C-alpha atoms as a PDB file:
ATOM      1  CA  UNK A   1       5.964 -36.522 104.611  1.00  0.00           C
ATOM      2  CA  UNK A   2       6.532 -34.881 101.232  1.00  0.00           C
ATOM      3  CA  UNK A   3       6.667 -37.518  98.446  1.00  0.00           C
ATOM      4  CA  UNK A   4      10.186 -38.294  97.233  1.00  0.00           C
ATOM      5  CA  UNK A   5       9.438 -37.095  93.727  1.00  0.00           C
ATOM      6  CA  UNK A   6       8.540 -33.675  95.116  1.00  0.00           C
ATOM      7  CA  UNK A   7      11.638 -33.612  97.286  1.00  0.00           C
ATOM      8  CA  UNK A   8      13.851 -34.411  94.304  1.00  0.00           C
ATOM      9  CA  UNK A   9      12.116 -31.734  92.213  1.00  0.00           C
ATOM     10  CA  UNK A  10      12.570 -29.202  94.996  1.00  0.00           C
ATOM     11  CA  UNK A  11      16.251 -30.035  95.456  1.00  0.00           C
ATOM     12  CA  UNK A  12      16.817 -29.794  91.713  1.00  0.00           C
ATOM     13  CA  UNK A  13      15.196 -26.385  91.656  1.00  0.00           C
ATOM     14  CA  UNK A  14      17.110 -24.825  94.502  1.00  0.00           C
ATOM     15  CA  UNK A  15      20.481 -26.139  93.267  1.00  0.00           C
ATOM     16  CA  UNK A  16      19.993 -24.948  89.725  1.00  0.00           C
ATOM     17  CA  UNK A  17      21.556 -21.545  90.623  1.00  0.00           C
ATOM     18  CA  UNK A  18      25.268 -22.004  91.388  1.00  0.00           C
ATOM     19  CA  UNK A  19      25.386 -18.778  93.423  1.00  0.00           C
ATOM     20  CA  UNK A  20      22.480 -19.907  95.564  1.00  0.00           C
ATOM     21  CA  UNK A  21      24.129 -23.307  95.918  1.00  0.00           C
ATOM     22  CA  UNK A  22      27.292 -21.670  97.166  1.00  0.00           C
ATOM     23  CA  UNK A  23      25.604 -19.222  99.501  1.00  0.00           C
ATOM     24  CA  UNK A  24      23.408 -21.809 101.202  1.00  0.00           C
ATOM     25  CA  UNK A  25      25.783 -24.746 100.913  1.00  0.00           C
ATOM     26  CA  UNK A  26      25.463 -25.830 104.586  1.00  0.00           C
ATOM     27  CA  UNK A  27      21.633 -25.983 104.401  1.00  0.00           C
ATOM     28  CA  UNK A  28      21.672 -27.726 101.020  1.00  0.00           C
ATOM     29  CA  UNK A  29      24.238 -30.176 102.344  1.00  0.00           C
ATOM     30  CA  UNK A  30      21.863 -30.961 105.232  1.00  0.00           C
ATOM     31  CA  UNK A  31      19.046 -31.680 102.769  1.00  0.00           C
ATOM     32  CA  UNK A  32      21.220 -33.896 100.583  1.00  0.00           C
ATOM     33  CA  UNK A  33      22.519 -35.803 103.601  1.00  0.00           C
ATOM     34  CA  UNK A  34      19.041 -36.309 104.976  1.00  0.00           C
ATOM     35  CA  UNK A  35      17.789 -37.658 101.642  1.00  0.00           C
ATOM     36  CA  UNK A  36      20.827 -40.073 101.467  1.00  0.00           C
ATOM     37  CA  UNK A  37      20.036 -41.350 104.999  1.00  0.00           C
ATOM     38  CA  UNK A  38      16.306 -41.654 104.483  1.00  0.00           C
ATOM     39  CA  UNK A  39      16.445 -43.249 101.007  1.00  0.00           C
ATOM     40  CA  UNK A  40      19.869 -44.976 101.055  1.00  0.00           C
ATOM     41  CA  UNK A  41      19.241 -47.318  98.103  1.00  0.00           C
ATOM     42  CA  UNK A  42      17.028 -45.235  95.814  1.00  0.00           C
ATOM     43  CA  UNK A  43      19.132 -44.780  92.589  1.00  0.00           C
ATOM     44  CA  UNK A  44      17.789 -41.231  92.118  1.00  0.00           C
ATOM     45  CA  UNK A  45      18.982 -40.273  95.642  1.00  0.00           C
ATOM     46  CA  UNK A  46      22.321 -42.029  95.206  1.00  0.00           C
ATOM     47  CA  UNK A  47      22.907 -39.936  92.048  1.00  0.00           C
ATOM     48  CA  UNK A  48      21.723 -36.784  93.762  1.00  0.00           C
ATOM     49  CA  UNK A  49      24.056 -37.235  96.718  1.00  0.00           C
ATOM     50  CA  UNK A  50      26.984 -38.356  94.556  1.00  0.00           C
ATOM     51  CA  UNK A  51      26.509 -35.314  92.269  1.00  0.00           C
ATOM     52  CA  UNK A  52      26.320 -33.099  95.360  1.00  0.00           C
ATOM     53  CA  UNK A  53      29.648 -34.394  96.699  1.00  0.00           C
ATOM     54  CA  UNK A  54      31.312 -33.908  93.317  1.00  0.00           C
ATOM     55  CA  UNK A  55      29.826 -30.389  92.921  1.00  0.00           C
ATOM     56  CA  UNK A  56      31.183 -29.437  96.340  1.00  0.00           C
ATOM     57  CA  UNK A  57      34.675 -30.688  95.480  1.00  0.00           C
ATOM     58  CA  UNK A  58      34.561 -33.772  97.723  1.00  0.00           C
ATOM     59  CA  UNK A  59      35.764 -36.135  95.020  1.00  0.00           C
ATOM     60  CA  UNK A  60      37.363 -38.670  97.323  1.00  0.00           C
ATOM     61  CA  UNK A  61      34.136 -38.810  99.388  1.00  0.00           C
ATOM     62  CA  UNK A  62      32.090 -39.232  96.199  1.00  0.00           C
ATOM     63  CA  UNK A  63      34.369 -42.143  95.172  1.00  0.00           C
ATOM     64  CA  UNK A  64      33.942 -43.827  98.554  1.00  0.00           C
ATOM     65  CA  UNK A  65      30.213 -43.244  98.431  1.00  0.00           C
ATOM     66  CA  UNK A  66      29.755 -44.857  95.047  1.00  0.00           C
ATOM     67  CA  UNK A  67      31.975 -47.763  96.048  1.00  0.00           C
ATOM     68  CA  UNK A  68      29.660 -48.533  98.964  1.00  0.00           C
ATOM     69  CA  UNK A  69      26.815 -48.981  96.459  1.00  0.00           C
ATOM     70  CA  UNK A  70      28.581 -51.350  94.090  1.00  0.00           C
ATOM     71  CA  UNK A  71      27.103 -54.309  95.979  1.00  0.00           C
ATOM     72  CA  UNK A  72      23.558 -53.036  95.642  1.00  0.00           C
ATOM     73  CA  UNK A  73      21.078 -55.423  94.009  1.00  0.00           C
ATOM     74  CA  UNK A  74      20.482 -55.447  91.211  1.00  0.00           C
ATOM     75  CA  UNK A  75      23.946 -54.079  90.304  1.00  0.00           C
ATOM     76  CA  UNK A  76      23.879 -50.797  88.426  1.00  0.00           C
ATOM     77  CA  UNK A  77      26.008 -49.810  85.480  1.00  0.00           C
ATOM     78  CA  UNK A  78      25.980 -46.106  86.373  1.00  0.00           C
ATOM     79  CA  UNK A  79      27.570 -46.728  89.806  1.00  0.00           C
ATOM     80  CA  UNK A  80      30.435 -48.633  88.261  1.00  0.00           C
ATOM     81  CA  UNK A  81      30.826 -45.936  85.607  1.00  0.00           C
ATOM     82  CA  UNK A  82      31.124 -43.281  88.253  1.00  0.00           C
ATOM     83  CA  UNK A  83      33.784 -45.231  90.190  1.00  0.00           C
ATOM     84  CA  UNK A  84      35.759 -45.947  87.048  1.00  0.00           C
ATOM     85  CA  UNK A  85      35.529 -42.335  85.853  1.00  0.00           C
ATOM     86  CA  UNK A  86      36.677 -40.885  89.192  1.00  0.00           C
ATOM     87  CA  UNK A  87      39.513 -43.388  89.539  1.00  0.00           C
ATOM     88  CA  UNK A  88      40.641 -42.572  86.037  1.00  0.00           C
ATOM     89  CA  UNK A  89      40.384 -38.807  86.705  1.00  0.00           C
ATOM     90  CA  UNK A  90      42.491 -39.243  89.816  1.00  0.00           C
ATOM     91  CA  UNK A  91      45.040 -41.150  87.723  1.00  0.00           C
ATOM     92  CA  UNK A  92      44.687 -44.424  89.600  1.00  0.00           C
ATOM     93  CA  UNK A  93      44.924 -46.831  86.620  1.00  0.00           C
ATOM     94  CA  UNK A  94      45.437 -49.997  88.746  1.00  0.00           C
ATOM     95  CA  UNK A  95      42.288 -49.227  90.768  1.00  0.00           C
ATOM     96  CA  UNK A  96      40.335 -48.290  87.645  1.00  0.00           C
ATOM     97  CA  UNK A  97      41.343 -51.560  86.001  1.00  0.00           C
ATOM     98  CA  UNK A  98      40.189 -53.493  89.099  1.00  0.00           C
ATOM     99  CA  UNK A  99      36.685 -52.025  88.873  1.00  0.00           C
ATOM    100  CA  UNK A 100      36.548 -52.358  85.087  1.00  0.00           C
ATOM    101  CA  UNK A 101      37.240 -56.049  85.364  1.00  0.00           C
ATOM    102  CA  UNK A 102      34.615 -56.392  88.100  1.00  0.00           C
ATOM    103  CA  UNK A 103      32.131 -54.490  85.954  1.00  0.00           C
ATOM    104  CA  UNK A 104      32.840 -56.725  82.956  1.00  0.00           C
ATOM    105  CA  UNK A 105      32.099 -59.830  85.043  1.00  0.00           C
ATOM    106  CA  UNK A 106      28.642 -58.384  85.721  1.00  0.00           C
ATOM    107  CA  UNK A 107      28.008 -56.637  82.409  1.00  0.00           C
ATOM    108  CA  UNK A 108      30.125 -58.509  79.778  1.00  0.00           C
ATOM    109  CA  UNK A 109      28.263 -56.908  76.876  1.00  0.00           C
ATOM    110  CA  UNK A 110      28.536 -53.285  78.107  1.00  0.00           C
ATOM    111  CA  UNK A 111      30.682 -51.499  75.533  1.00  0.00           C
ATOM    112  CA  UNK A 112      31.584 -48.564  77.837  1.00  0.00           C
ATOM    113  CA  UNK A 113      33.474 -50.931  80.125  1.00  0.00           C
ATOM    114  CA  UNK A 114      35.191 -52.573  77.181  1.00  0.00           C
ATOM    115  CA  UNK A 115      36.332 -49.096  75.987  1.00  0.00           C
ATOM    116  CA  UNK A 116      37.377 -48.089  79.509  1.00  0.00           C
ATOM    117  CA  UNK A 117      39.598 -51.149  79.701  1.00  0.00           C
ATOM    118  CA  UNK A 118      41.304 -50.072  76.487  1.00  0.00           C
ATOM    119  CA  UNK A 119      41.725 -46.509  77.769  1.00  0.00           C
ATOM    120  CA  UNK A 120      43.400 -47.686  81.005  1.00  0.00           C
ATOM    121  CA  UNK A 121      45.747 -50.036  79.199  1.00  0.00           C
ATOM    122  CA  UNK A 122      46.600 -47.219  76.779  1.00  0.00           C
ATOM    123  CA  UNK A 123      47.345 -44.906  79.740  1.00  0.00           C
ATOM    124  CA  UNK A 124      49.720 -47.506  81.228  1.00  0.00           C
ATOM    125  CA  UNK A 125      51.413 -47.881  77.799  1.00  0.00           C
ATOM    126  CA  UNK A 126      50.267 -51.513  77.381  1.00  0.00           C
ATOM    127  CA  UNK A 127      49.531 -50.803  73.777  1.00  0.00           C
ATOM    128  CA  UNK A 128      49.091 -54.361  72.477  1.00  0.00           C
ATOM    129  CA  UNK A 129      46.605 -55.183  75.233  1.00  0.00           C
ATOM    130  CA  UNK A 130      44.814 -51.877  74.609  1.00  0.00           C
ATOM    131  CA  UNK A 131      44.426 -52.651  70.895  1.00  0.00           C
ATOM    132  CA  UNK A 132      43.032 -56.057  71.775  1.00  0.00           C
ATOM    133  CA  UNK A 133      40.536 -54.526  74.209  1.00  0.00           C
ATOM    134  CA  UNK A 134      39.357 -52.028  71.631  1.00  0.00           C
ATOM    135  CA  UNK A 135      39.032 -54.834  69.046  1.00  0.00           C
ATOM    136  CA  UNK A 136      36.943 -56.869  71.461  1.00  0.00           C
ATOM    137  CA  UNK A 137      34.646 -53.900  72.023  1.00  0.00           C
ATOM    138  CA  UNK A 138      33.794 -53.823  68.293  1.00  0.00           C
ATOM    139  CA  UNK A 139      31.519 -56.876  68.691  1.00  0.00           C
ATOM    140  CA  UNK A 140      29.269 -54.813  70.932  1.00  0.00           C
ATOM    141  CA  UNK A 141      29.178 -51.666  68.723  1.00  0.00           C
ATOM    142  CA  UNK A 142      25.686 -51.172  67.349  1.00  0.00           C
ATOM    143  CA  UNK A 143      26.221 -48.184  65.037  1.00  0.00           C
ATOM    144  CA  UNK A 144      28.613 -47.359  62.241  1.00  0.00           C
ATOM    145  CA  UNK A 145      29.578 -44.098  63.901  1.00  0.00           C
ATOM    146  CA  UNK A 146      30.647 -45.968  67.042  1.00  0.00           C
ATOM    147  CA  UNK A 147      32.522 -48.561  64.972  1.00  0.00           C
ATOM    148  CA  UNK A 148      34.292 -45.745  63.232  1.00  0.00           C
ATOM    149  CA  UNK A 149      35.198 -44.114  66.529  1.00  0.00           C
ATOM    150  CA  UNK A 150      36.592 -47.399  67.871  1.00  0.00           C
ATOM    151  CA  UNK A 151      38.702 -48.008  64.783  1.00  0.00           C
ATOM    152  CA  UNK A 152      39.983 -44.482  65.275  1.00  0.00           C
ATOM    153  CA  UNK A 153      41.055 -45.387  68.787  1.00  0.00           C
ATOM    154  CA  UNK A 154      42.807 -48.491  67.496  1.00  0.00           C
ATOM    155  CA  UNK A 155      44.665 -46.363  64.937  1.00  0.00           C
ATOM    156  CA  UNK A 156      45.674 -43.856  67.584  1.00  0.00           C
ATOM    157  CA  UNK A 157      47.011 -46.675  69.776  1.00  0.00           C
ATOM    158  CA  UNK A 158      49.048 -48.102  66.953  1.00  0.00           C
ATOM    159  CA  UNK A 159      50.535 -44.643  66.445  1.00  0.00           C
ATOM    160  CA  UNK A 160      51.399 -44.394  70.178  1.00  0.00           C
ATOM    161  CA  UNK A 161      53.053 -47.788  69.937  1.00  0.00           C
ATOM    162  CA  UNK A 162      55.037 -46.640  66.921  1.00  0.00           C
ATOM    163  CA  UNK A 163      56.112 -43.406  68.615  1.00  0.00           C
ATOM    164  CA  UNK A 164      57.102 -45.235  71.795  1.00  0.00           C
ATOM    165  CA  UNK A 165      59.763 -47.220  69.958  1.00  0.00           C
ATOM    166  CA  UNK A 166      61.291 -50.466  71.150  1.00  0.00           C
ATOM    167  CA  UNK A 167      62.313 -48.930  74.492  1.00  0.00           C
ATOM    168  CA  UNK A 168      58.746 -47.988  75.320  1.00  0.00           C
ATOM    169  CA  UNK A 169      59.683 -44.319  75.907  1.00  0.00           C
ATOM    170  CA  UNK A 170      58.147 -41.539  73.852  1.00  0.00           C
ATOM    171  CA  UNK A 171      60.578 -40.272  71.137  1.00  0.00           C
ATOM    172  CA  UNK A 172      60.496 -37.610  68.562  1.00  0.00           C
ATOM    173  CA  UNK A 173      58.058 -38.578  65.809  1.00  0.00           C
ATOM    174  CA  UNK A 174      60.266 -37.416  62.940  1.00  0.00           C
ATOM    175  CA  UNK A 175      63.554 -38.997  64.149  1.00  0.00           C
ATOM    176  CA  UNK A 176      62.132 -42.490  64.469  1.00  0.00           C
ATOM    177  CA  UNK A 177      60.030 -42.398  61.281  1.00  0.00           C
ATOM    178  CA  UNK A 178      62.661 -44.435  59.397  1.00  0.00           C
ATOM    179  CA  UNK A 179      62.693 -47.339  61.843  1.00  0.00           C
ATOM    180  CA  UNK A 180      61.328 -50.661  60.573  1.00  0.00           C
ATOM    181  CA  UNK A 181      59.264 -51.142  63.719  1.00  0.00           C
ATOM    182  CA  UNK A 182      57.857 -47.691  63.361  1.00  0.00           C
ATOM    183  CA  UNK A 183      56.875 -48.212  59.756  1.00  0.00           C
ATOM    184  CA  UNK A 184      55.196 -51.521  60.593  1.00  0.00           C
ATOM    185  CA  UNK A 185      53.150 -49.974  63.415  1.00  0.00           C
ATOM    186  CA  UNK A 186      52.174 -46.932  61.342  1.00  0.00           C
ATOM    187  CA  UNK A 187      51.052 -49.230  58.522  1.00  0.00           C
ATOM    188  CA  UNK A 188      48.593 -50.790  61.017  1.00  0.00           C
ATOM    189  CA  UNK A 189      47.619 -47.296  62.193  1.00  0.00           C
ATOM    190  CA  UNK A 190      46.682 -46.260  58.684  1.00  0.00           C
ATOM    191  CA  UNK A 191      44.784 -49.480  58.071  1.00  0.00           C
ATOM    192  CA  UNK A 192      42.757 -48.782  61.195  1.00  0.00           C
ATOM    193  CA  UNK A 193      42.131 -45.186  60.132  1.00  0.00           C
ATOM    194  CA  UNK A 194      40.986 -46.406  56.699  1.00  0.00           C
ATOM    195  CA  UNK A 195      38.504 -48.758  58.328  1.00  0.00           C
ATOM    196  CA  UNK A 196      37.306 -45.948  60.604  1.00  0.00           C
ATOM    197  CA  UNK A 197      36.634 -43.662  57.635  1.00  0.00           C
ATOM    198  CA  UNK A 198      34.757 -46.368  55.813  1.00  0.00           C
ATOM    199  CA  UNK A 199      32.278 -46.393  58.719  1.00  0.00           C
ATOM    200  CA  UNK A 200      32.324 -42.627  59.227  1.00  0.00           C
ATOM    201  CA  UNK A 201      33.898 -40.572  56.462  1.00  0.00           C
ATOM    202  CA  UNK A 202      33.477 -37.408  58.468  1.00  0.00           C
ATOM    203  CA  UNK A 203      35.274 -38.473  61.668  1.00  0.00           C
ATOM    204  CA  UNK A 204      37.099 -35.185  62.271  1.00  0.00           C
ATOM    205  CA  UNK A 205      39.640 -36.573  64.738  1.00  0.00           C
ATOM    206  CA  UNK A 206      40.684 -39.394  62.451  1.00  0.00           C
ATOM    207  CA  UNK A 207      40.870 -37.134  59.411  1.00  0.00           C
ATOM    208  CA  UNK A 208      42.988 -34.660  61.325  1.00  0.00           C
ATOM    209  CA  UNK A 209      45.384 -37.215  62.800  1.00  0.00           C
ATOM    210  CA  UNK A 210      45.672 -39.125  59.545  1.00  0.00           C
ATOM    211  CA  UNK A 211      46.518 -35.927  57.645  1.00  0.00           C
ATOM    212  CA  UNK A 212      49.017 -34.836  60.238  1.00  0.00           C
ATOM    213  CA  UNK A 213      50.906 -38.131  60.382  1.00  0.00           C
ATOM    214  CA  UNK A 214      51.107 -38.344  56.598  1.00  0.00           C
ATOM    215  CA  UNK A 215      52.383 -34.743  56.388  1.00  0.00           C
ATOM    216  CA  UNK A 216      55.089 -35.434  59.005  1.00  0.00           C
ATOM    217  CA  UNK A 217      56.236 -38.428  57.029  1.00  0.00           C
ATOM    218  CA  UNK A 218      56.136 -36.300  53.881  1.00  0.00           C
ATOM    219  CA  UNK A 219      54.047 -38.677  51.759  1.00  0.00           C
ATOM    220  CA  UNK A 220      50.572 -38.842  50.189  1.00  0.00           C
ATOM    221  CA  UNK A 221      50.436 -35.079  50.693  1.00  0.00           C
ATOM    222  CA  UNK A 222      47.563 -34.532  48.244  1.00  0.00           C
ATOM    223  CA  UNK A 223      45.457 -36.954  50.236  1.00  0.00           C
ATOM    224  CA  UNK A 224      46.630 -35.367  53.502  1.00  0.00           C
ATOM    225  CA  UNK A 225      45.631 -31.945  52.245  1.00  0.00           C
ATOM    226  CA  UNK A 226      42.208 -33.228  51.147  1.00  0.00           C
ATOM    227  CA  UNK A 227      41.571 -34.761  54.570  1.00  0.00           C
ATOM    228  CA  UNK A 228      42.810 -31.636  56.407  1.00  0.00           C
ATOM    229  CA  UNK A 229      40.584 -29.458  54.193  1.00  0.00           C
ATOM    230  CA  UNK A 230      37.625 -31.663  55.001  1.00  0.00           C
ATOM    231  CA  UNK A 231      38.269 -31.269  58.717  1.00  0.00           C
ATOM    232  CA  UNK A 232      38.401 -27.502  58.445  1.00  0.00           C
ATOM    233  CA  UNK A 233      35.113 -27.577  56.493  1.00  0.00           C
ATOM    234  CA  UNK A 234      33.503 -29.710  59.193  1.00  0.00           C
ATOM    235  CA  UNK A 235      34.852 -27.711  62.152  1.00  0.00           C
ATOM    236  CA  UNK A 236      35.923 -24.286  60.966  1.00  0.00           C
ATOM    237  CA  UNK A 237      36.112 -22.887  64.518  1.00  0.00           C
ATOM    238  CA  UNK A 238      38.938 -25.185  65.665  1.00  0.00           C
ATOM    239  CA  UNK A 239      42.275 -23.443  65.311  1.00  0.00           C
ATOM    240  CA  UNK A 240      44.249 -26.687  65.707  1.00  0.00           C
ATOM    241  CA  UNK A 241      42.592 -28.157  62.623  1.00  0.00           C
END
């Protein structure tokens, strides 16, 4: 008879200690399962039980659980996000793409799904399609920092396309740097990076990658040094930078 809000607060309190969670897992599992059975469509309980499955290492069960709620009305963005994230983590790009497309039919203006589509296409080395997906996501970006991040992703994808070469297989960056197709793709990469930095001059990842690629090619080294120095000033605790 305890109100659901109190049950959720109680469950959150007793699972805050990981050692306690582990010691009394069976009892906590009974509580989570009871909540899921008693309140099967309450979004707070769905999240609680999904998080519980993930925390206990039952990733496949969590995936199945979230999939059973994709037909809930009204449809929820967070359920689709969880399915896509888990499918991506499990390296199931075809399945992830299936649910991304389904999500986009329901939420065409949701930028996270637009970006996820680009990520999956990038993973499967469909670089031209990935670039197109990232470009389409730009129309839904509401801040300059997000626009800068997306243009950075576009630049990264152009670089991956350049490095893949005509065969589609990854090759050594230096050896192929004289190829015409490589130069053309890298030109697009640098254009995308320039646009990214116009939106966000302190995008550390773009500054780092831009500086590195220029240094490998052995050109514009003063600019590369300036960008690399800026990255170090922004994140002086990152040994890679």
